[in-house]
Amino acid sequence: AVEEAVKDPAVKGMWCVPKYSNPEGIIYSAETIDRIAH
């Protein structure tokens, strides 16, 4: 969904809490982090 959304030039950013996310306590996986960086 993120990769599709950023095709829109009006999409200017994204919020992330990558380690112990608020509120779910999720740690982003290595694959997710790599896809975000790319």
PDB file of all heavy atoms in Angstrom:
ATOM      1  N   ALA A   1       0.829  -1.211   0.000  1.00  0.00           N
ATOM      2  CA  ALA A   1       0.000   0.000   0.000  1.00  0.00           C
ATOM      3  C   ALA A   1       0.861   1.257   0.000  1.00  0.00           C
ATOM      4  O   ALA A   1       0.539   2.248  -0.675  1.00  0.00           O
ATOM      5  CB  ALA A   1      -0.935  -0.006   1.212  1.00  0.00           C
ATOM      6  N   VAL A   2       1.956   1.238   0.749  1.00  0.00           N
ATOM      7  CA  VAL A   2       2.846   2.401   0.803  1.00  0.00           C
ATOM      8  C   VAL A   2       3.466   2.666  -0.563  1.00  0.00           C
ATOM      9  O   VAL A   2       3.464   3.804  -1.060  1.00  0.00           O
ATOM     10  CB  VAL A   2       3.959   2.186   1.851  1.00  0.00           C
ATOM     11  CG1 VAL A   2       5.019   3.290   1.751  1.00  0.00           C
ATOM     12  CG2 VAL A   2       3.370   2.163   3.258  1.00  0.00           C
ATOM     13  N   GLU A   3       3.988   1.610  -1.189  1.00  0.00           N
ATOM     14  CA  GLU A   3       4.656   1.779  -2.477  1.00  0.00           C
ATOM     15  C   GLU A   3       3.682   2.265  -3.550  1.00  0.00           C
ATOM     16  O   GLU A   3       4.069   3.017  -4.454  1.00  0.00           O
ATOM     17  CB  GLU A   3       5.316   0.462  -2.882  1.00  0.00           C
ATOM     18  CG  GLU A   3       6.540   0.149  -2.036  1.00  0.00           C
ATOM     19  CD  GLU A   3       7.023  -1.295  -2.137  1.00  0.00           C
ATOM     20  OE1 GLU A   3       6.291  -2.123  -2.740  1.00  0.00           O
ATOM     21  OE2 GLU A   3       8.098  -1.598  -1.609  1.00  0.00           O
ATOM     22  N   GLU A   4       2.434   1.868  -3.450  1.00  0.00           N
ATOM     23  CA  GLU A   4       1.419   2.357  -4.394  1.00  0.00           C
ATOM     24  C   GLU A   4       1.084   3.816  -4.097  1.00  0.00           C
ATOM     25  O   GLU A   4       0.977   4.638  -5.013  1.00  0.00           O
ATOM     26  CB  GLU A   4       0.167   1.491  -4.284  1.00  0.00           C
ATOM     27  CG  GLU A   4      -0.940   1.871  -5.272  1.00  0.00           C
ATOM     28  CD  GLU A   4      -0.525   1.700  -6.731  1.00  0.00           C
ATOM     29  OE1 GLU A   4       0.302   0.803  -7.025  1.00  0.00           O
ATOM     30  OE2 GLU A   4      -1.033   2.471  -7.575  1.00  0.00           O
ATOM     31  N   ALA A   5       0.952   4.141  -2.816  1.00  0.00           N
ATOM     32  CA  ALA A   5       0.540   5.500  -2.431  1.00  0.00           C
ATOM     33  C   ALA A   5       1.568   6.553  -2.828  1.00  0.00           C
ATOM     34  O   ALA A   5       1.205   7.672  -3.224  1.00  0.00           O
ATOM     35  CB  ALA A   5       0.279   5.555  -0.926  1.00  0.00           C
ATOM     36  N   VAL A   6       2.867   6.244  -2.712  1.00  0.00           N
ATOM     37  CA  VAL A   6       3.889   7.268  -2.971  1.00  0.00           C
ATOM     38  C   VAL A   6       4.055   7.569  -4.458  1.00  0.00           C
ATOM     39  O   VAL A   6       4.835   8.463  -4.823  1.00  0.00           O
ATOM     40  CB  VAL A   6       5.249   6.868  -2.361  1.00  0.00           C
ATOM     41  CG1 VAL A   6       5.134   6.695  -0.855  1.00  0.00           C
ATOM     42  CG2 VAL A   6       5.836   5.627  -3.016  1.00  0.00           C
ATOM     43  N   LYS A   7       3.315   6.867  -5.306  1.00  0.00           N
ATOM     44  CA  LYS A   7       3.311   7.222  -6.728  1.00  0.00           C
ATOM     45  C   LYS A   7       2.596   8.545  -6.958  1.00  0.00           C
ATOM     46  O   LYS A   7       2.758   9.182  -8.007  1.00  0.00           O
ATOM     47  CB  LYS A   7       2.629   6.116  -7.542  1.00  0.00           C
ATOM     48  CG  LYS A   7       3.382   4.788  -7.546  1.00  0.00           C
ATOM     49  CD  LYS A   7       2.597   3.714  -8.293  1.00  0.00           C
ATOM     50  CE  LYS A   7       3.319   2.369  -8.261  1.00  0.00           C
ATOM     51  NZ  LYS A   7       2.535   1.302  -8.943  1.00  0.00           N
ATOM     52  N   ASP A   8       1.806   8.971  -5.982  1.00  0.00           N
ATOM     53  CA  ASP A   8       1.081  10.241  -6.049  1.00  0.00           C
ATOM     54  C   ASP A   8       2.001  11.361  -5.566  1.00  0.00           C
ATOM     55  O   ASP A   8       2.447  11.347  -4.419  1.00  0.00           O
ATOM     56  CB  ASP A   8      -0.162  10.158  -5.146  1.00  0.00           C
ATOM     57  CG  ASP A   8      -0.999  11.415  -5.146  1.00  0.00           C
ATOM     58  OD1 ASP A   8      -0.578  12.436  -5.747  1.00  0.00           O
ATOM     59  OD2 ASP A   8      -2.084  11.396  -4.522  1.00  0.00           O
ATOM     60  N   PRO A   9       2.316  12.356  -6.412  1.00  0.00           N
ATOM     61  CA  PRO A   9       3.233  13.425  -5.994  1.00  0.00           C
ATOM     62  C   PRO A   9       2.696  14.272  -4.851  1.00  0.00           C
ATOM     63  O   PRO A   9       3.466  14.996  -4.207  1.00  0.00           O
ATOM     64  CB  PRO A   9       3.404  14.253  -7.271  1.00  0.00           C
ATOM     65  CG  PRO A   9       2.233  13.910  -8.125  1.00  0.00           C
ATOM     66  CD  PRO A   9       1.887  12.494  -7.809  1.00  0.00           C
ATOM     67  N   ALA A  10       1.401  14.191  -4.573  1.00  0.00           N
ATOM     68  CA  ALA A  10       0.834  14.935  -3.448  1.00  0.00           C
ATOM     69  C   ALA A  10       1.136  14.273  -2.111  1.00  0.00           C
ATOM     70  O   ALA A  10       0.985  14.892  -1.052  1.00  0.00           O
ATOM     71  CB  ALA A  10      -0.675  15.088  -3.624  1.00  0.00           C
ATOM     72  N   VAL A  11       1.553  12.999  -2.158  1.00  0.00           N
ATOM     73  CA  VAL A  11       1.929  12.295  -0.922  1.00  0.00           C
ATOM     74  C   VAL A  11       3.336  12.743  -0.540  1.00  0.00           C
ATOM     75  O   VAL A  11       4.310  12.429  -1.214  1.00  0.00           O
ATOM     76  CB  VAL A  11       1.873  10.766  -1.101  1.00  0.00           C
ATOM     77  CG1 VAL A  11       2.445  10.056   0.115  1.00  0.00           C
ATOM     78  CG2 VAL A  11       0.439  10.328  -1.338  1.00  0.00           C
ATOM     79  N   LYS A  12       3.418  13.494   0.544  1.00  0.00           N
ATOM     80  CA  LYS A  12       4.669  14.151   0.915  1.00  0.00           C
ATOM     81  C   LYS A  12       5.434  13.475   2.045  1.00  0.00           C
ATOM     82  O   LYS A  12       6.526  13.929   2.404  1.00  0.00           O
ATOM     83  CB  LYS A  12       4.373  15.606   1.315  1.00  0.00           C
ATOM     84  CG  LYS A  12       3.960  16.498   0.160  1.00  0.00           C
ATOM     85  CD  LYS A  12       5.107  16.706  -0.820  1.00  0.00           C
ATOM     86  CE  LYS A  12       4.765  17.729  -1.886  1.00  0.00           C
ATOM     87  NZ  LYS A  12       5.918  17.985  -2.785  1.00  0.00           N
ATOM     88  N   GLY A  13       4.859  12.439   2.651  1.00  0.00           N
ATOM     89  CA  GLY A  13       5.613  11.816   3.720  1.00  0.00           C
ATOM     90  C   GLY A  13       4.866  10.707   4.417  1.00  0.00           C
ATOM     91  O   GLY A  13       3.727  10.371   4.073  1.00  0.00           O
ATOM     92  N   MET A  14       5.526  10.149   5.444  1.00  0.00           N
ATOM     93  CA  MET A  14       4.932   9.058   6.219  1.00  0.00           C
ATOM     94  C   MET A  14       5.478   9.087   7.640  1.00  0.00           C
ATOM     95  O   MET A  14       6.666   9.308   7.870  1.00  0.00           O
ATOM     96  CB  MET A  14       5.244   7.704   5.573  1.00  0.00           C
ATOM     97  CG  MET A  14       4.700   6.503   6.368  1.00  0.00           C
ATOM     98  SD  MET A  14       4.752   4.945   5.455  1.00  0.00           S
ATOM     99  CE  MET A  14       6.522   4.629   5.371  1.00  0.00           C
ATOM    100  N   TRP A  15       4.591   8.873   8.596  1.00  0.00           N
ATOM    101  CA  TRP A  15       4.980   8.740  10.002  1.00  0.00           C
ATOM    102  C   TRP A  15       5.367   7.293  10.277  1.00  0.00           C
ATOM    103  O   TRP A  15       4.699   6.371   9.803  1.00  0.00           O
ATOM    104  CB  TRP A  15       3.819   9.113  10.912  1.00  0.00           C
ATOM    105  CG  TRP A  15       3.450  10.556  10.910  1.00  0.00           C
ATOM    106  CD1 TRP A  15       2.366  11.126  10.296  1.00  0.00           C
ATOM    107  CD2 TRP A  15       4.153  11.624  11.554  1.00  0.00           C
ATOM    108  NE1 TRP A  15       2.342  12.482  10.524  1.00  0.00           N
ATOM    109  CE2 TRP A  15       3.437  12.815  11.295  1.00  0.00           C
ATOM    110  CE3 TRP A  15       5.313  11.693  12.331  1.00  0.00           C
ATOM    111  CZ2 TRP A  15       3.844  14.049  11.783  1.00  0.00           C
ATOM    112  CZ3 TRP A  15       5.722  12.924  12.812  1.00  0.00           C
ATOM    113  CH2 TRP A  15       4.993  14.087  12.537  1.00  0.00           C
ATOM    114  N   CYS A  16       6.415   7.095  11.063  1.00  0.00           N
ATOM    115  CA  CYS A  16       6.819   5.745  11.451  1.00  0.00           C
ATOM    116  C   CYS A  16       7.331   5.735  12.885  1.00  0.00           C
ATOM    117  O   CYS A  16       8.101   6.619  13.278  1.00  0.00           O
ATOM    118  CB  CYS A  16       7.935   5.223  10.539  1.00  0.00           C
ATOM    119  SG  CYS A  16       7.422   4.831   8.851  1.00  0.00           S
ATOM    120  N   VAL A  17       6.899   4.736  13.654  1.00  0.00           N
ATOM    121  CA  VAL A  17       7.519   4.412  14.948  1.00  0.00           C
ATOM    122  C   VAL A  17       8.062   3.001  14.765  1.00  0.00           C
ATOM    123  O   VAL A  17       7.356   2.017  14.989  1.00  0.00           O
ATOM    124  CB  VAL A  17       6.507   4.488  16.107  1.00  0.00           C
ATOM    125  CG1 VAL A  17       7.196   4.178  17.435  1.00  0.00           C
ATOM    126  CG2 VAL A  17       5.835   5.859  16.155  1.00  0.00           C
ATOM    127  N   PRO A  18       9.327   2.869  14.343  1.00  0.00           N
ATOM    128  CA  PRO A  18       9.811   1.598  13.800  1.00  0.00           C
ATOM    129  C   PRO A  18      10.150   0.524  14.820  1.00  0.00           C
ATOM    130  O   PRO A  18      10.235  -0.650  14.468  1.00  0.00           O
ATOM    131  CB  PRO A  18      11.066   2.011  13.035  1.00  0.00           C
ATOM    132  CG  PRO A  18      11.554   3.230  13.766  1.00  0.00           C
ATOM    133  CD  PRO A  18      10.313   3.946  14.193  1.00  0.00           C
ATOM    134  N   LYS A  19      10.359   0.913  16.074  1.00  0.00           N
ATOM    135  CA  LYS A  19      10.705  -0.084  17.101  1.00  0.00           C
ATOM    136  C   LYS A  19       9.725   0.036  18.258  1.00  0.00           C
ATOM    137  O   LYS A  19       9.576   1.108  18.846  1.00  0.00           O
ATOM    138  CB  LYS A  19      12.141   0.128  17.585  1.00  0.00           C
ATOM    139  CG  LYS A  19      12.614  -0.954  18.548  1.00  0.00           C
ATOM    140  CD  LYS A  19      14.079  -0.755  18.941  1.00  0.00           C
ATOM    141  CE  LYS A  19      14.512  -1.838  19.927  1.00  0.00           C
ATOM    142  NZ  LYS A  19      15.899  -1.637  20.405  1.00  0.00           N
ATOM    143  N   TYR A  20       9.030  -1.064  18.568  1.00  0.00           N
ATOM    144  CA  TYR A  20       7.971  -1.077  19.570  1.00  0.00           C
ATOM    145  C   TYR A  20       6.947   0.020  19.255  1.00  0.00           C
ATOM    146  O   TYR A  20       6.708   0.926  20.037  1.00  0.00           O
ATOM    147  CB  TYR A  20       8.548  -0.924  20.987  1.00  0.00           C
ATOM    148  CG  TYR A  20       9.564  -1.977  21.317  1.00  0.00           C
ATOM    149  CD1 TYR A  20      10.838  -1.643  21.769  1.00  0.00           C
ATOM    150  CD2 TYR A  20       9.260  -3.323  21.144  1.00  0.00           C
ATOM    151  CE1 TYR A  20      11.777  -2.628  22.056  1.00  0.00           C
ATOM    152  CE2 TYR A  20      10.195  -4.310  21.427  1.00  0.00           C
ATOM    153  CZ  TYR A  20      11.464  -3.949  21.881  1.00  0.00           C
ATOM    154  OH  TYR A  20      12.385  -4.923  22.145  1.00  0.00           O
ATOM    155  N   SER A  21       6.361  -0.108  18.082  1.00  0.00           N
ATOM    156  CA  SER A  21       5.447   0.908  17.564  1.00  0.00           C
ATOM    157  C   SER A  21       4.349   1.235  18.564  1.00  0.00           C
ATOM    158  O   SER A  21       3.894   0.375  19.315  1.00  0.00           O
ATOM    159  CB  SER A  21       4.816   0.430  16.250  1.00  0.00           C
ATOM    160  OG  SER A  21       4.014  -0.724  16.476  1.00  0.00           O
ATOM    161  N   ASN A  22       3.954   2.479  18.562  1.00  0.00           N
ATOM    162  CA  ASN A  22       2.857   2.972  19.394  1.00  0.00           C
ATOM    163  C   ASN A  22       1.568   2.844  18.598  1.00  0.00           C
ATOM    164  O   ASN A  22       1.427   3.475  17.556  1.00  0.00           O
ATOM    165  CB  ASN A  22       3.137   4.439  19.734  1.00  0.00           C
ATOM    166  CG  ASN A  22       2.080   5.089  20.597  1.00  0.00           C
ATOM    167  OD1 ASN A  22       1.009   4.528  20.819  1.00  0.00           O
ATOM    168  ND2 ASN A  22       2.357   6.300  21.061  1.00  0.00           N
ATOM    169  N   PRO A  23       0.605   2.006  19.022  1.00  0.00           N
ATOM    170  CA  PRO A  23       0.534   1.307  20.299  1.00  0.00           C
ATOM    171  C   PRO A  23       0.838  -0.192  20.238  1.00  0.00           C
ATOM    172  O   PRO A  23       0.782  -0.867  21.255  1.00  0.00           O
ATOM    173  CB  PRO A  23      -0.936   1.487  20.660  1.00  0.00           C
ATOM    174  CG  PRO A  23      -1.647   1.372  19.342  1.00  0.00           C
ATOM    175  CD  PRO A  23      -0.723   2.011  18.331  1.00  0.00           C
ATOM    176  N   GLU A  24       1.140  -0.751  19.088  1.00  0.00           N
ATOM    177  CA  GLU A  24       1.116  -2.208  18.934  1.00  0.00           C
ATOM    178  C   GLU A  24       2.390  -2.925  19.369  1.00  0.00           C
ATOM    179  O   GLU A  24       2.416  -4.148  19.459  1.00  0.00           O
ATOM    180  CB  GLU A  24       0.775  -2.568  17.486  1.00  0.00           C
ATOM    181  CG  GLU A  24      -0.615  -2.084  17.085  1.00  0.00           C
ATOM    182  CD  GLU A  24      -1.196  -2.876  15.954  1.00  0.00           C
ATOM    183  OE1 GLU A  24      -0.694  -2.757  14.828  1.00  0.00           O
ATOM    184  OE2 GLU A  24      -2.151  -3.621  16.211  1.00  0.00           O
ATOM    185  N   GLY A  25       3.460  -2.165  19.625  1.00  0.00           N
ATOM    186  CA  GLY A  25       4.686  -2.802  20.087  1.00  0.00           C
ATOM    187  C   GLY A  25       5.396  -3.619  19.033  1.00  0.00           C
ATOM    188  O   GLY A  25       6.163  -4.529  19.342  1.00  0.00           O
ATOM    189  N   ILE A  26       5.168  -3.295  17.758  1.00  0.00           N
ATOM    190  CA  ILE A  26       5.762  -4.040  16.641  1.00  0.00           C
ATOM    191  C   ILE A  26       7.146  -3.492  16.320  1.00  0.00           C
ATOM    192  O   ILE A  26       7.365  -2.284  16.310  1.00  0.00           O
ATOM    193  CB  ILE A  26       4.862  -3.941  15.397  1.00  0.00           C
ATOM    194  CG1 ILE A  26       3.570  -4.739  15.615  1.00  0.00           C
ATOM    195  CG2 ILE A  26       5.590  -4.423  14.141  1.00  0.00           C
ATOM    196  CD1 ILE A  26       2.522  -4.502  14.557  1.00  0.00           C
ATOM    197  N   ILE A  27       8.089  -4.376  16.068  1.00  0.00           N
ATOM    198  CA  ILE A  27       9.391  -3.997  15.520  1.00  0.00           C
ATOM    199  C   ILE A  27       9.341  -4.232  14.017  1.00  0.00           C
ATOM    200  O   ILE A  27       9.072  -5.345  13.562  1.00  0.00           O
ATOM    201  CB  ILE A  27      10.530  -4.818  16.142  1.00  0.00           C
ATOM    202  CG1 ILE A  27      10.613  -4.566  17.656  1.00  0.00           C
ATOM    203  CG2 ILE A  27      11.865  -4.470  15.481  1.00  0.00           C
ATOM    204  CD1 ILE A  27      11.701  -5.370  18.350  1.00  0.00           C
ATOM    205  N   TYR A  28       9.567  -3.174  13.231  1.00  0.00           N
ATOM    206  CA  TYR A  28       9.557  -3.327  11.783  1.00  0.00           C
ATOM    207  C   TYR A  28      10.574  -4.401  11.377  1.00  0.00           C
ATOM    208  O   TYR A  28      11.697  -4.434  11.880  1.00  0.00           O
ATOM    209  CB  TYR A  28       9.946  -2.024  11.087  1.00  0.00           C
ATOM    210  CG  TYR A  28       8.920  -0.909  11.138  1.00  0.00           C
ATOM    211  CD1 TYR A  28       7.827  -0.932  12.009  1.00  0.00           C
ATOM    212  CD2 TYR A  28       9.063   0.206  10.312  1.00  0.00           C
ATOM    213  CE1 TYR A  28       6.917   0.097  12.043  1.00  0.00           C
ATOM    214  CE2 TYR A  28       8.146   1.245  10.338  1.00  0.00           C
ATOM    215  CZ  TYR A  28       7.080   1.198  11.209  1.00  0.00           C
ATOM    216  OH  TYR A  28       6.180   2.228  11.244  1.00  0.00           O
ATOM    217  N   SER A  29      10.197  -5.250  10.450  1.00  0.00           N
ATOM    218  CA  SER A  29      11.094  -6.309   9.980  1.00  0.00           C
ATOM    219  C   SER A  29      12.188  -5.717   9.089  1.00  0.00           C
ATOM    220  O   SER A  29      12.066  -4.599   8.568  1.00  0.00           O
ATOM    221  CB  SER A  29      10.310  -7.346   9.185  1.00  0.00           C
ATOM    222  OG  SER A  29       9.874  -6.802   7.940  1.00  0.00           O
ATOM    223  N   ALA A  30      13.260  -6.487   8.905  1.00  0.00           N
ATOM    224  CA  ALA A  30      14.365  -6.054   8.049  1.00  0.00           C
ATOM    225  C   ALA A  30      13.875  -5.792   6.625  1.00  0.00           C
ATOM    226  O   ALA A  30      14.305  -4.835   5.966  1.00  0.00           O
ATOM    227  CB  ALA A  30      15.469  -7.105   8.053  1.00  0.00           C
ATOM    228  N   GLU A  31      12.963  -6.637   6.143  1.00  0.00           N
ATOM    229  CA  GLU A  31      12.433  -6.446   4.782  1.00  0.00           C
ATOM    230  C   GLU A  31      11.636  -5.152   4.684  1.00  0.00           C
ATOM    231  O   GLU A  31      11.773  -4.396   3.713  1.00  0.00           O
ATOM    232  CB  GLU A  31      11.540  -7.620   4.388  1.00  0.00           C
ATOM    233  CG  GLU A  31      10.964  -7.481   2.986  1.00  0.00           C
ATOM    234  CD  GLU A  31       9.935  -8.546   2.641  1.00  0.00           C
ATOM    235  OE1 GLU A  31       9.685  -9.435   3.469  1.00  0.00           O
ATOM    236  OE2 GLU A  31       9.361  -8.468   1.530  1.00  0.00           O
ATOM    237  N   THR A  32      10.804  -4.887   5.690  1.00  0.00           N
ATOM    238  CA  THR A  32      10.010  -3.654   5.680  1.00  0.00           C
ATOM    239  C   THR A  32      10.914  -2.426   5.691  1.00  0.00           C
ATOM    240  O   THR A  32      10.710  -1.479   4.921  1.00  0.00           O
ATOM    241  CB  THR A  32       9.064  -3.620   6.896  1.00  0.00           C
ATOM    242  OG1 THR A  32       8.093  -4.658   6.758  1.00  0.00           O
ATOM    243  CG2 THR A  32       8.347  -2.273   6.997  1.00  0.00           C
ATOM    244  N   ILE A  33      11.928  -2.442   6.549  1.00  0.00           N
ATOM    245  CA  ILE A  33      12.846  -1.307   6.643  1.00  0.00           C
ATOM    246  C   ILE A  33      13.577  -1.114   5.321  1.00  0.00           C
ATOM    247  O   ILE A  33      13.743   0.020   4.845  1.00  0.00           O
ATOM    248  CB  ILE A  33      13.841  -1.531   7.799  1.00  0.00           C
ATOM    249  CG1 ILE A  33      13.102  -1.490   9.144  1.00  0.00           C
ATOM    250  CG2 ILE A  33      14.947  -0.480   7.782  1.00  0.00           C
ATOM    251  CD1 ILE A  33      13.943  -1.925  10.317  1.00  0.00           C
ATOM    252  N   ASP A  34      13.997  -2.207   4.707  1.00  0.00           N
ATOM    253  CA  ASP A  34      14.698  -2.111   3.422  1.00  0.00           C
ATOM    254  C   ASP A  34      13.782  -1.534   2.347  1.00  0.00           C
ATOM    255  O   ASP A  34      14.208  -0.688   1.540  1.00  0.00           O
ATOM    256  CB  ASP A  34      15.194  -3.501   3.017  1.00  0.00           C
ATOM    257  CG  ASP A  34      16.023  -3.466   1.749  1.00  0.00           C
ATOM    258  OD1 ASP A  34      17.138  -2.920   1.778  1.00  0.00           O
ATOM    259  OD2 ASP A  34      15.548  -3.981   0.705  1.00  0.00           O
ATOM    260  N   ARG A  35      12.532  -1.965   2.326  1.00  0.00           N
ATOM    261  CA  ARG A  35      11.597  -1.442   1.319  1.00  0.00           C
ATOM    262  C   ARG A  35      11.307   0.045   1.545  1.00  0.00           C
ATOM    263  O   ARG A  35      11.163   0.817   0.586  1.00  0.00           O
ATOM    264  CB  ARG A  35      10.297  -2.251   1.332  1.00  0.00           C
ATOM    265  CG  ARG A  35      10.455  -3.652   0.762  1.00  0.00           C
ATOM    266  CD  ARG A  35       9.193  -4.477   0.889  1.00  0.00           C
ATOM    267  NE  ARG A  35       8.128  -4.037  -0.014  1.00  0.00           N
ATOM    268  CZ  ARG A  35       6.955  -4.664  -0.136  1.00  0.00           C
ATOM    269  NH1 ARG A  35       6.705  -5.736   0.616  1.00  0.00           N
ATOM    270  NH2 ARG A  35       6.038  -4.214  -0.988  1.00  0.00           N
ATOM    271  N   ILE A  36      11.248   0.452   2.812  1.00  0.00           N
ATOM    272  CA  ILE A  36      11.046   1.873   3.102  1.00  0.00           C
ATOM    273  C   ILE A  36      12.251   2.680   2.629  1.00  0.00           C
ATOM    274  O   ILE A  36      12.100   3.728   1.986  1.00  0.00           O
ATOM    275  CB  ILE A  36      10.806   2.098   4.608  1.00  0.00           C
ATOM    276  CG1 ILE A  36       9.466   1.491   5.032  1.00  0.00           C
ATOM    277  CG2 ILE A  36      10.813   3.592   4.941  1.00  0.00           C
ATOM    278  CD1 ILE A  36       9.215   1.526   6.532  1.00  0.00           C
ATOM    279  N   ALA A  37      13.457   2.196   2.936  1.00  0.00           N
ATOM    280  CA  ALA A  37      14.668   2.916   2.533  1.00  0.00           C
ATOM    281  C   ALA A  37      14.772   3.048   1.020  1.00  0.00           C
ATOM    282  O   ALA A  37      15.299   4.044   0.509  1.00  0.00           O
ATOM    283  CB  ALA A  37      15.901   2.201   3.079  1.00  0.00           C
ATOM    284  N   HIS A  38      14.243   2.072   0.285  1.00  0.00           N
ATOM    285  CA  HIS A  38      14.333   2.061  -1.176  1.00  0.00           C
ATOM    286  C   HIS A  38      13.108   2.657  -1.861  1.00  0.00           C
ATOM    287  O   HIS A  38      12.951   2.525  -3.085  1.00  0.00           O
ATOM    288  CB  HIS A  38      14.553   0.635  -1.689  1.00  0.00           C
ATOM    289  CG  HIS A  38      15.961   0.138  -1.532  1.00  0.00           C
ATOM    290  ND1 HIS A  38      16.424  -0.437  -0.359  1.00  0.00           N
ATOM    291  CD2 HIS A  38      17.019   0.147  -2.391  1.00  0.00           C
ATOM    292  CE1 HIS A  38      17.691  -0.770  -0.508  1.00  0.00           C
ATOM    293  NE2 HIS A  38      18.080  -0.436  -1.721  1.00  0.00           N
TER     294      HIS A  38
END
